[in-house]
Every structure is written in structure tokens, then in C-alpha cells.
């Protein structure tokens, strides 16, 4: 899961910055960022959206080296 998150973060930053990641910290824009989820079971599924409380990524030498994301799991919506 940790590797998947790093890979996804790298892909998203590469798209936004044209393949070049500049060293520094990148903050989550809470007004534009959400986590969309789907939980599936034999009899159906549930979908929802969870908002970020905060988040950041640390980038050095064109690589994501760390980061933290806080989500408000009590405020999910369908």
C-alpha cells in the first residue's frame, strides 16, 4: 500500500509539473482534493468521498521521499 501511494503521488506530480519534480514540500489543496472509495460485497457496494484535513509531500532529487495525509473519516459523504 505504501508503494502504491508513492507511485500514485509520483504520477500525479509528474502530470502536474510536466515530468519535472522540484525539490520542496507540496501542500494538499483541501478545496480541490478528496478520496473517493468503493466498498464491494456479494450483495452490492457502497461509495463515498472523504475530505482531507491536511497533507503534504516532501520531494528531493525528483523523488518523493516522504509525506503525511490526514483525512476526516467521520465526514464521508455518498
PDB file of N, CA and C in Angstrom:
ATOM      1  N   UNK A   1       0.825  -1.192   0.000  1.00  0.00           N
ATOM      2  CA  UNK A   1       0.000   0.000   0.000  1.00  0.00           C
ATOM      3  C   UNK A   1       0.865   1.251   0.000  1.00  0.00           C
ATOM      4  N   UNK A   2       1.940   1.242   0.780  1.00  0.00           N
ATOM      5  CA  UNK A   2       2.819   2.396   0.853  1.00  0.00           C
ATOM      6  C   UNK A   2       3.457   2.673  -0.506  1.00  0.00           C
ATOM      7  N   UNK A   3       3.895   1.611  -1.189  1.00  0.00           N
ATOM      8  CA  UNK A   3       4.493   1.748  -2.515  1.00  0.00           C
ATOM      9  C   UNK A   3       3.474   2.264  -3.515  1.00  0.00           C
ATOM     10  N   UNK A   4       2.243   1.780  -3.443  1.00  0.00           N
ATOM     11  CA  UNK A   4       1.188   2.245  -4.338  1.00  0.00           C
ATOM     12  C   UNK A   4       0.949   3.736  -4.167  1.00  0.00           C
ATOM     13  N   UNK A   5       0.933   4.199  -2.926  1.00  0.00           N
ATOM     14  CA  UNK A   5       0.740   5.622  -2.655  1.00  0.00           C
ATOM     15  C   UNK A   5       1.868   6.468  -3.221  1.00  0.00           C
ATOM     16  N   UNK A   6       3.111   5.996  -3.079  1.00  0.00           N
ATOM     17  CA  UNK A   6       4.251   6.730  -3.636  1.00  0.00           C
ATOM     18  C   UNK A   6       4.187   6.774  -5.153  1.00  0.00           C
ATOM     19  N   UNK A   7       3.832   5.637  -5.755  1.00  0.00           N
ATOM     20  CA  UNK A   7       3.734   5.582  -7.209  1.00  0.00           C
ATOM     21  C   UNK A   7       2.646   6.524  -7.705  1.00  0.00           C
ATOM     22  N   UNK A   8       1.483   6.494  -7.074  1.00  0.00           N
ATOM     23  CA  UNK A   8       0.387   7.375  -7.463  1.00  0.00           C
ATOM     24  C   UNK A   8       0.786   8.834  -7.296  1.00  0.00           C
ATOM     25  N   UNK A   9       1.432   9.163  -6.182  1.00  0.00           N
ATOM     26  CA  UNK A   9       1.883  10.534  -5.946  1.00  0.00           C
ATOM     27  C   UNK A   9       2.874  10.988  -6.994  1.00  0.00           C
ATOM     28  N   UNK A  10       3.800  10.125  -7.354  1.00  0.00           N
ATOM     29  CA  UNK A  10       4.793  10.458  -8.373  1.00  0.00           C
ATOM     30  C   UNK A  10       4.131  10.706  -9.717  1.00  0.00           C
ATOM     31  N   UNK A  11       3.182   9.855 -10.073  1.00  0.00           N
ATOM     32  CA  UNK A  11       2.478  10.021 -11.349  1.00  0.00           C
ATOM     33  C   UNK A  11       1.712  11.335 -11.376  1.00  0.00           C
ATOM     34  N   UNK A  12       0.980  11.635 -10.312  1.00  0.00           N
ATOM     35  CA  UNK A  12       0.193  12.867 -10.269  1.00  0.00           C
ATOM     36  C   UNK A  12       1.080  14.098 -10.328  1.00  0.00           C
ATOM     37  N   UNK A  13       2.160  14.109  -9.562  1.00  0.00           N
ATOM     38  CA  UNK A  13       3.061  15.262  -9.595  1.00  0.00           C
ATOM     39  C   UNK A  13       3.736  15.395 -10.953  1.00  0.00           C
ATOM     40  N   UNK A  14       4.054  14.271 -11.580  1.00  0.00           N
ATOM     41  CA  UNK A  14       4.669  14.315 -12.907  1.00  0.00           C
ATOM     42  C   UNK A  14       3.718  14.929 -13.931  1.00  0.00           C
ATOM     43  N   UNK A  15       2.450  14.577 -13.835  1.00  0.00           N
ATOM     44  CA  UNK A  15       1.460  15.141 -14.746  1.00  0.00           C
ATOM     45  C   UNK A  15       1.333  16.642 -14.537  1.00  0.00           C
ATOM     46  N   UNK A  16       1.229  17.067 -13.283  1.00  0.00           N
ATOM     47  CA  UNK A  16       1.037  18.480 -12.980  1.00  0.00           C
ATOM     48  C   UNK A  16       2.260  19.327 -13.298  1.00  0.00           C
ATOM     49  N   UNK A  17       3.450  18.775 -13.166  1.00  0.00           N
ATOM     50  CA  UNK A  17       4.663  19.554 -13.346  1.00  0.00           C
ATOM     51  C   UNK A  17       5.453  19.125 -14.576  1.00  0.00           C
ATOM     52  N   UNK A  18       4.799  18.503 -15.547  1.00  0.00           N
ATOM     53  CA  UNK A  18       5.419  18.157 -16.807  1.00  0.00           C
ATOM     54  C   UNK A  18       6.595  17.212 -16.697  1.00  0.00           C
ATOM     55  N   UNK A  19       6.568  16.289 -15.757  1.00  0.00           N
ATOM     56  CA  UNK A  19       7.639  15.319 -15.615  1.00  0.00           C
ATOM     57  C   UNK A  19       8.778  15.772 -14.725  1.00  0.00           C
ATOM     58  N   UNK A  20       8.820  17.032 -14.358  1.00  0.00           N
ATOM     59  CA  UNK A  20       9.900  17.551 -13.516  1.00  0.00           C
ATOM     60  C   UNK A  20       9.361  17.859 -12.120  1.00  0.00           C
ATOM     61  N   UNK A  21       9.888  17.170 -11.119  1.00  0.00           N
ATOM     62  CA  UNK A  21       9.516  17.445  -9.739  1.00  0.00           C
ATOM     63  C   UNK A  21      10.601  18.303  -9.117  1.00  0.00           C
ATOM     64  N   UNK A  22      10.224  19.450  -8.622  1.00  0.00           N
ATOM     65  CA  UNK A  22      11.185  20.342  -7.994  1.00  0.00           C
ATOM     66  C   UNK A  22      11.270  20.036  -6.513  1.00  0.00           C
ATOM     67  N   UNK A  23      12.474  20.131  -5.975  1.00  0.00           N
ATOM     68  CA  UNK A  23      12.666  19.863  -4.552  1.00  0.00           C
ATOM     69  C   UNK A  23      11.816  20.816  -3.729  1.00  0.00           C
ATOM     70  N   UNK A  24      11.264  20.310  -2.644  1.00  0.00           N
ATOM     71  CA  UNK A  24      10.469  21.141  -1.754  1.00  0.00           C
ATOM     72  C   UNK A  24       9.314  20.371  -1.166  1.00  0.00           C
ATOM     73  N   UNK A  25       8.462  21.075  -0.477  1.00  0.00           N
ATOM     74  CA  UNK A  25       7.264  20.497   0.128  1.00  0.00           C
ATOM     75  C   UNK A  25       6.051  20.970  -0.650  1.00  0.00           C
ATOM     76  N   UNK A  26       5.144  20.054  -0.919  1.00  0.00           N
ATOM     77  CA  UNK A  26       3.918  20.365  -1.632  1.00  0.00           C
ATOM     78  C   UNK A  26       2.749  20.123  -0.692  1.00  0.00           C
ATOM     79  N   UNK A  27       1.911  21.136  -0.509  1.00  0.00           N
ATOM     80  CA  UNK A  27       0.758  21.052   0.386  1.00  0.00           C
ATOM     81  C   UNK A  27      -0.493  20.647  -0.393  1.00  0.00           C
ATOM     82  N   UNK A  28      -1.355  19.881   0.228  1.00  0.00           N
ATOM     83  CA  UNK A  28      -2.632  19.492  -0.364  1.00  0.00           C
ATOM     84  C   UNK A  28      -3.553  20.707  -0.411  1.00  0.00           C
ATOM     85  N   UNK A  29      -4.185  20.924  -1.550  1.00  0.00           N
ATOM     86  CA  UNK A  29      -5.212  21.951  -1.666  1.00  0.00           C
ATOM     87  C   UNK A  29      -6.525  21.306  -1.226  1.00  0.00           C
ATOM     88  N   UNK A  30      -6.919  21.550   0.023  1.00  0.00           N
ATOM     89  CA  UNK A  30      -8.092  20.883   0.600  1.00  0.00           C
ATOM     90  C   UNK A  30      -9.377  21.171  -0.159  1.00  0.00           C
ATOM     91  N   UNK A  31      -9.467  22.317  -0.803  1.00  0.00           N
ATOM     92  CA  UNK A  31     -10.694  22.650  -1.528  1.00  0.00           C
ATOM     93  C   UNK A  31     -10.833  21.863  -2.828  1.00  0.00           C
ATOM     94  N   UNK A  32      -9.742  21.265  -3.327  1.00  0.00           N
ATOM     95  CA  UNK A  32      -9.776  20.540  -4.594  1.00  0.00           C
ATOM     96  C   UNK A  32      -9.441  19.062  -4.449  1.00  0.00           C
ATOM     97  N   UNK A  33      -9.198  18.592  -3.225  1.00  0.00           N
ATOM     98  CA  UNK A  33      -8.718  17.226  -3.026  1.00  0.00           C
ATOM     99  C   UNK A  33      -9.687  16.399  -2.201  1.00  0.00           C
ATOM    100  N   UNK A  34      -9.963  15.186  -2.668  1.00  0.00           N
ATOM    101  CA  UNK A  34     -10.814  14.239  -1.949  1.00  0.00           C
ATOM    102  C   UNK A  34     -10.305  12.823  -2.186  1.00  0.00           C
ATOM    103  N   UNK A  35     -10.758  11.899  -1.362  1.00  0.00           N
ATOM    104  CA  UNK A  35     -10.519  10.476  -1.567  1.00  0.00           C
ATOM    105  C   UNK A  35     -11.867   9.858  -1.910  1.00  0.00           C
ATOM    106  N   UNK A  36     -11.963   9.245  -3.079  1.00  0.00           N
ATOM    107  CA  UNK A  36     -13.191   8.544  -3.473  1.00  0.00           C
ATOM    108  C   UNK A  36     -12.962   7.063  -3.222  1.00  0.00           C
ATOM    109  N   UNK A  37     -13.931   6.410  -2.574  1.00  0.00           N
ATOM    110  CA  UNK A  37     -13.766   4.999  -2.238  1.00  0.00           C
ATOM    111  C   UNK A  37     -14.989   4.193  -2.644  1.00  0.00           C
ATOM    112  N   UNK A  38     -14.751   2.900  -2.829  1.00  0.00           N
ATOM    113  CA  UNK A  38     -15.809   1.939  -3.122  1.00  0.00           C
ATOM    114  C   UNK A  38     -15.561   0.695  -2.279  1.00  0.00           C
ATOM    115  N   UNK A  39     -16.565   0.275  -1.535  1.00  0.00           N
ATOM    116  CA  UNK A  39     -16.515  -0.970  -0.787  1.00  0.00           C
ATOM    117  C   UNK A  39     -17.491  -1.948  -1.426  1.00  0.00           C
ATOM    118  N   UNK A  40     -16.988  -3.115  -1.848  1.00  0.00           N
ATOM    119  CA  UNK A  40     -17.840  -4.075  -2.553  1.00  0.00           C
ATOM    120  C   UNK A  40     -18.078  -5.314  -1.698  1.00  0.00           C
ATOM    121  N   UNK A  41     -19.268  -5.875  -1.874  1.00  0.00           N
ATOM    122  CA  UNK A  41     -19.629  -7.131  -1.221  1.00  0.00           C
ATOM    123  C   UNK A  41     -20.507  -7.922  -2.178  1.00  0.00           C
ATOM    124  N   UNK A  42     -20.835  -9.120  -1.817  1.00  0.00           N
ATOM    125  CA  UNK A  42     -21.606 -10.007  -2.696  1.00  0.00           C
ATOM    126  C   UNK A  42     -22.953  -9.389  -3.067  1.00  0.00           C
ATOM    127  N   UNK A  43     -23.586  -8.698  -2.142  1.00  0.00           N
ATOM    128  CA  UNK A  43     -24.936  -8.175  -2.383  1.00  0.00           C
ATOM    129  C   UNK A  43     -24.966  -6.730  -2.864  1.00  0.00           C
ATOM    130  N   UNK A  44     -23.831  -6.138  -3.145  1.00  0.00           N
ATOM    131  CA  UNK A  44     -23.827  -4.754  -3.635  1.00  0.00           C
ATOM    132  C   UNK A  44     -22.547  -4.034  -3.293  1.00  0.00           C
ATOM    133  N   UNK A  45     -22.641  -2.714  -3.260  1.00  0.00           N
ATOM    134  CA  UNK A  45     -21.466  -1.913  -2.945  1.00  0.00           C
ATOM    135  C   UNK A  45     -21.872  -0.599  -2.298  1.00  0.00           C
ATOM    136  N   UNK A  46     -20.916   0.044  -1.678  1.00  0.00           N
ATOM    137  CA  UNK A  46     -21.086   1.365  -1.082  1.00  0.00           C
ATOM    138  C   UNK A  46     -20.010   2.269  -1.661  1.00  0.00           C
ATOM    139  N   UNK A  47     -20.351   3.517  -1.926  1.00  0.00           N
ATOM    140  CA  UNK A  47     -19.406   4.507  -2.436  1.00  0.00           C
ATOM    141  C   UNK A  47     -19.408   5.703  -1.510  1.00  0.00           C
ATOM    142  N   UNK A  48     -18.311   6.417  -1.493  1.00  0.00           N
ATOM    143  CA  UNK A  48     -18.253   7.619  -0.690  1.00  0.00           C
ATOM    144  C   UNK A  48     -17.079   8.495  -1.047  1.00  0.00           C
ATOM    145  N   UNK A  49     -17.063   9.657  -0.453  1.00  0.00           N
ATOM    146  CA  UNK A  49     -15.997  10.640  -0.642  1.00  0.00           C
ATOM    147  C   UNK A  49     -15.559  11.118   0.735  1.00  0.00           C
ATOM    148  N   UNK A  50     -14.258  11.174   0.951  1.00  0.00           N
ATOM    149  CA  UNK A  50     -13.710  11.627   2.225  1.00  0.00           C
ATOM    150  C   UNK A  50     -12.852  12.865   1.965  1.00  0.00           C
ATOM    151  N   UNK A  51     -13.009  13.885   2.787  1.00  0.00           N
ATOM    152  CA  UNK A  51     -12.237  15.119   2.646  1.00  0.00           C
ATOM    153  C   UNK A  51     -10.906  15.029   3.371  1.00  0.00           C
ATOM    154  N   UNK A  52      -9.911  15.752   2.866  1.00  0.00           N
ATOM    155  CA  UNK A  52      -8.621  15.872   3.539  1.00  0.00           C
ATOM    156  C   UNK A  52      -8.695  16.936   4.624  1.00  0.00           C
ATOM    157  N   UNK A  53      -8.050  16.692   5.754  1.00  0.00           N
ATOM    158  CA  UNK A  53      -7.856  17.722   6.770  1.00  0.00           C
ATOM    159  C   UNK A  53      -6.586  18.495   6.461  1.00  0.00           C
ATOM    160  N   UNK A  54      -5.542  17.764   6.035  1.00  0.00           N
ATOM    161  CA  UNK A  54      -4.269  18.379   5.667  1.00  0.00           C
ATOM    162  C   UNK A  54      -3.434  17.342   4.942  1.00  0.00           C
ATOM    163  N   UNK A  55      -2.331  17.776   4.375  1.00  0.00           N
ATOM    164  CA  UNK A  55      -1.429  16.843   3.725  1.00  0.00           C
ATOM    165  C   UNK A  55      -0.283  17.540   3.047  1.00  0.00           C
ATOM    166  N   UNK A  56       0.822  16.822   2.922  1.00  0.00           N
ATOM    167  CA  UNK A  56       1.987  17.371   2.228  1.00  0.00           C
ATOM    168  C   UNK A  56       2.867  16.236   1.726  1.00  0.00           C
ATOM    169  N   UNK A  57       3.668  16.530   0.705  1.00  0.00           N
ATOM    170  CA  UNK A  57       4.659  15.610   0.167  1.00  0.00           C
ATOM    171  C   UNK A  57       6.018  16.284   0.206  1.00  0.00           C
ATOM    172  N   UNK A  58       7.050  15.525   0.531  1.00  0.00           N
ATOM    173  CA  UNK A  58       8.420  16.019   0.514  1.00  0.00           C
ATOM    174  C   UNK A  58       9.110  15.458  -0.718  1.00  0.00           C
ATOM    175  N   UNK A  59       9.667  16.330  -1.566  1.00  0.00           N
ATOM    176  CA  UNK A  59      10.306  15.913  -2.801  1.00  0.00           C
ATOM    177  C   UNK A  59      11.760  16.366  -2.810  1.00  0.00           C
ATOM    178  N   UNK A  60      12.677  15.434  -3.142  1.00  0.00           N
ATOM    179  CA  UNK A  60      14.094  15.723  -3.312  1.00  0.00           C
ATOM    180  C   UNK A  60      14.622  14.900  -4.467  1.00  0.00           C
ATOM    181  N   UNK A  61      15.464  15.492  -5.293  1.00  0.00           N
ATOM    182  CA  UNK A  61      16.081  14.793  -6.424  1.00  0.00           C
ATOM    183  C   UNK A  61      15.059  14.075  -7.296  1.00  0.00           C
ATOM    184  N   UNK A  62      13.954  14.764  -7.577  1.00  0.00           N
ATOM    185  CA  UNK A  62      12.911  14.244  -8.465  1.00  0.00           C
ATOM    186  C   UNK A  62      12.221  12.991  -7.915  1.00  0.00           C
ATOM    187  N   UNK A  63      12.291  12.768  -6.591  1.00  0.00           N
ATOM    188  CA  UNK A  63      11.657  11.611  -5.964  1.00  0.00           C
ATOM    189  C   UNK A  63      10.875  12.044  -4.739  1.00  0.00           C
ATOM    190  N   UNK A  64       9.762  11.375  -4.500  1.00  0.00           N
ATOM    191  CA  UNK A  64       9.002  11.604  -3.277  1.00  0.00           C
ATOM    192  C   UNK A  64       9.707  10.870  -2.151  1.00  0.00           C
ATOM    193  N   UNK A  65      10.110  11.599  -1.121  1.00  0.00           N
ATOM    194  CA  UNK A  65      10.837  10.992  -0.005  1.00  0.00           C
ATOM    195  C   UNK A  65       9.986  10.832   1.241  1.00  0.00           C
ATOM    196  N   UNK A  66       8.867  11.499   1.290  1.00  0.00           N
ATOM    197  CA  UNK A  66       8.013  11.376   2.463  1.00  0.00           C
ATOM    198  C   UNK A  66       6.756  12.196   2.288  1.00  0.00           C
ATOM    199  N   UNK A  67       5.907  12.089   3.258  1.00  0.00           N
ATOM    200  CA  UNK A  67       4.678  12.853   3.203  1.00  0.00           C
ATOM    201  C   UNK A  67       3.721  12.419   4.287  1.00  0.00           C
ATOM    202  N   UNK A  68       2.739  13.247   4.513  1.00  0.00           N
ATOM    203  CA  UNK A  68       1.721  12.978   5.520  1.00  0.00           C
ATOM    204  C   UNK A  68       0.382  13.443   4.990  1.00  0.00           C
ATOM    205  N   UNK A  69      -0.650  12.609   5.195  1.00  0.00           N
ATOM    206  CA  UNK A  69      -2.001  12.982   4.817  1.00  0.00           C
ATOM    207  C   UNK A  69      -2.924  12.687   5.980  1.00  0.00           C
ATOM    208  N   UNK A  70      -3.754  13.657   6.338  1.00  0.00           N
ATOM    209  CA  UNK A  70      -4.767  13.464   7.374  1.00  0.00           C
ATOM    210  C   UNK A  70      -6.128  13.622   6.713  1.00  0.00           C
ATOM    211  N   UNK A  71      -6.982  12.619   6.937  1.00  0.00           N
ATOM    212  CA  UNK A  71      -8.320  12.669   6.370  1.00  0.00           C
ATOM    213  C   UNK A  71      -9.346  12.648   7.498  1.00  0.00           C
ATOM    214  N   UNK A  72     -10.509  13.210   7.218  1.00  0.00           N
ATOM    215  CA  UNK A  72     -11.594  13.257   8.188  1.00  0.00           C
ATOM    216  C   UNK A  72     -12.555  12.122   7.867  1.00  0.00           C
ATOM    217  N   UNK A  73     -12.290  10.939   8.416  1.00  0.00           N
ATOM    218  CA  UNK A  73     -13.105   9.776   8.083  1.00  0.00           C
ATOM    219  C   UNK A  73     -14.520   9.849   8.655  1.00  0.00           C
ATOM    220  N   UNK A  74     -14.789  10.812   9.505  1.00  0.00           N
ATOM    221  CA  UNK A  74     -16.144  10.953  10.065  1.00  0.00           C
ATOM    222  C   UNK A  74     -17.031  11.827   9.182  1.00  0.00           C
ATOM    223  N   UNK A  75     -16.443  12.478   8.178  1.00  0.00           N
ATOM    224  CA  UNK A  75     -17.239  13.381   7.348  1.00  0.00           C
ATOM    225  C   UNK A  75     -17.476  12.842   5.943  1.00  0.00           C
ATOM    226  N   UNK A  76     -17.443  11.508   5.773  1.00  0.00           N
ATOM    227  CA  UNK A  76     -17.619  10.977   4.416  1.00  0.00           C
ATOM    228  C   UNK A  76     -19.038  11.185   3.942  1.00  0.00           C
ATOM    229  N   UNK A  77     -19.179  11.296   2.643  1.00  0.00           N
ATOM    230  CA  UNK A  77     -20.485  11.532   2.030  1.00  0.00           C
ATOM    231  C   UNK A  77     -20.633  10.629   0.822  1.00  0.00           C
ATOM    232  N   UNK A  78     -21.854  10.339   0.455  1.00  0.00           N
ATOM    233  CA  UNK A  78     -22.146   9.487  -0.714  1.00  0.00           C
ATOM    234  C   UNK A  78     -22.099  10.297  -1.977  1.00  0.00           C
TER     235      UNK A  78
END
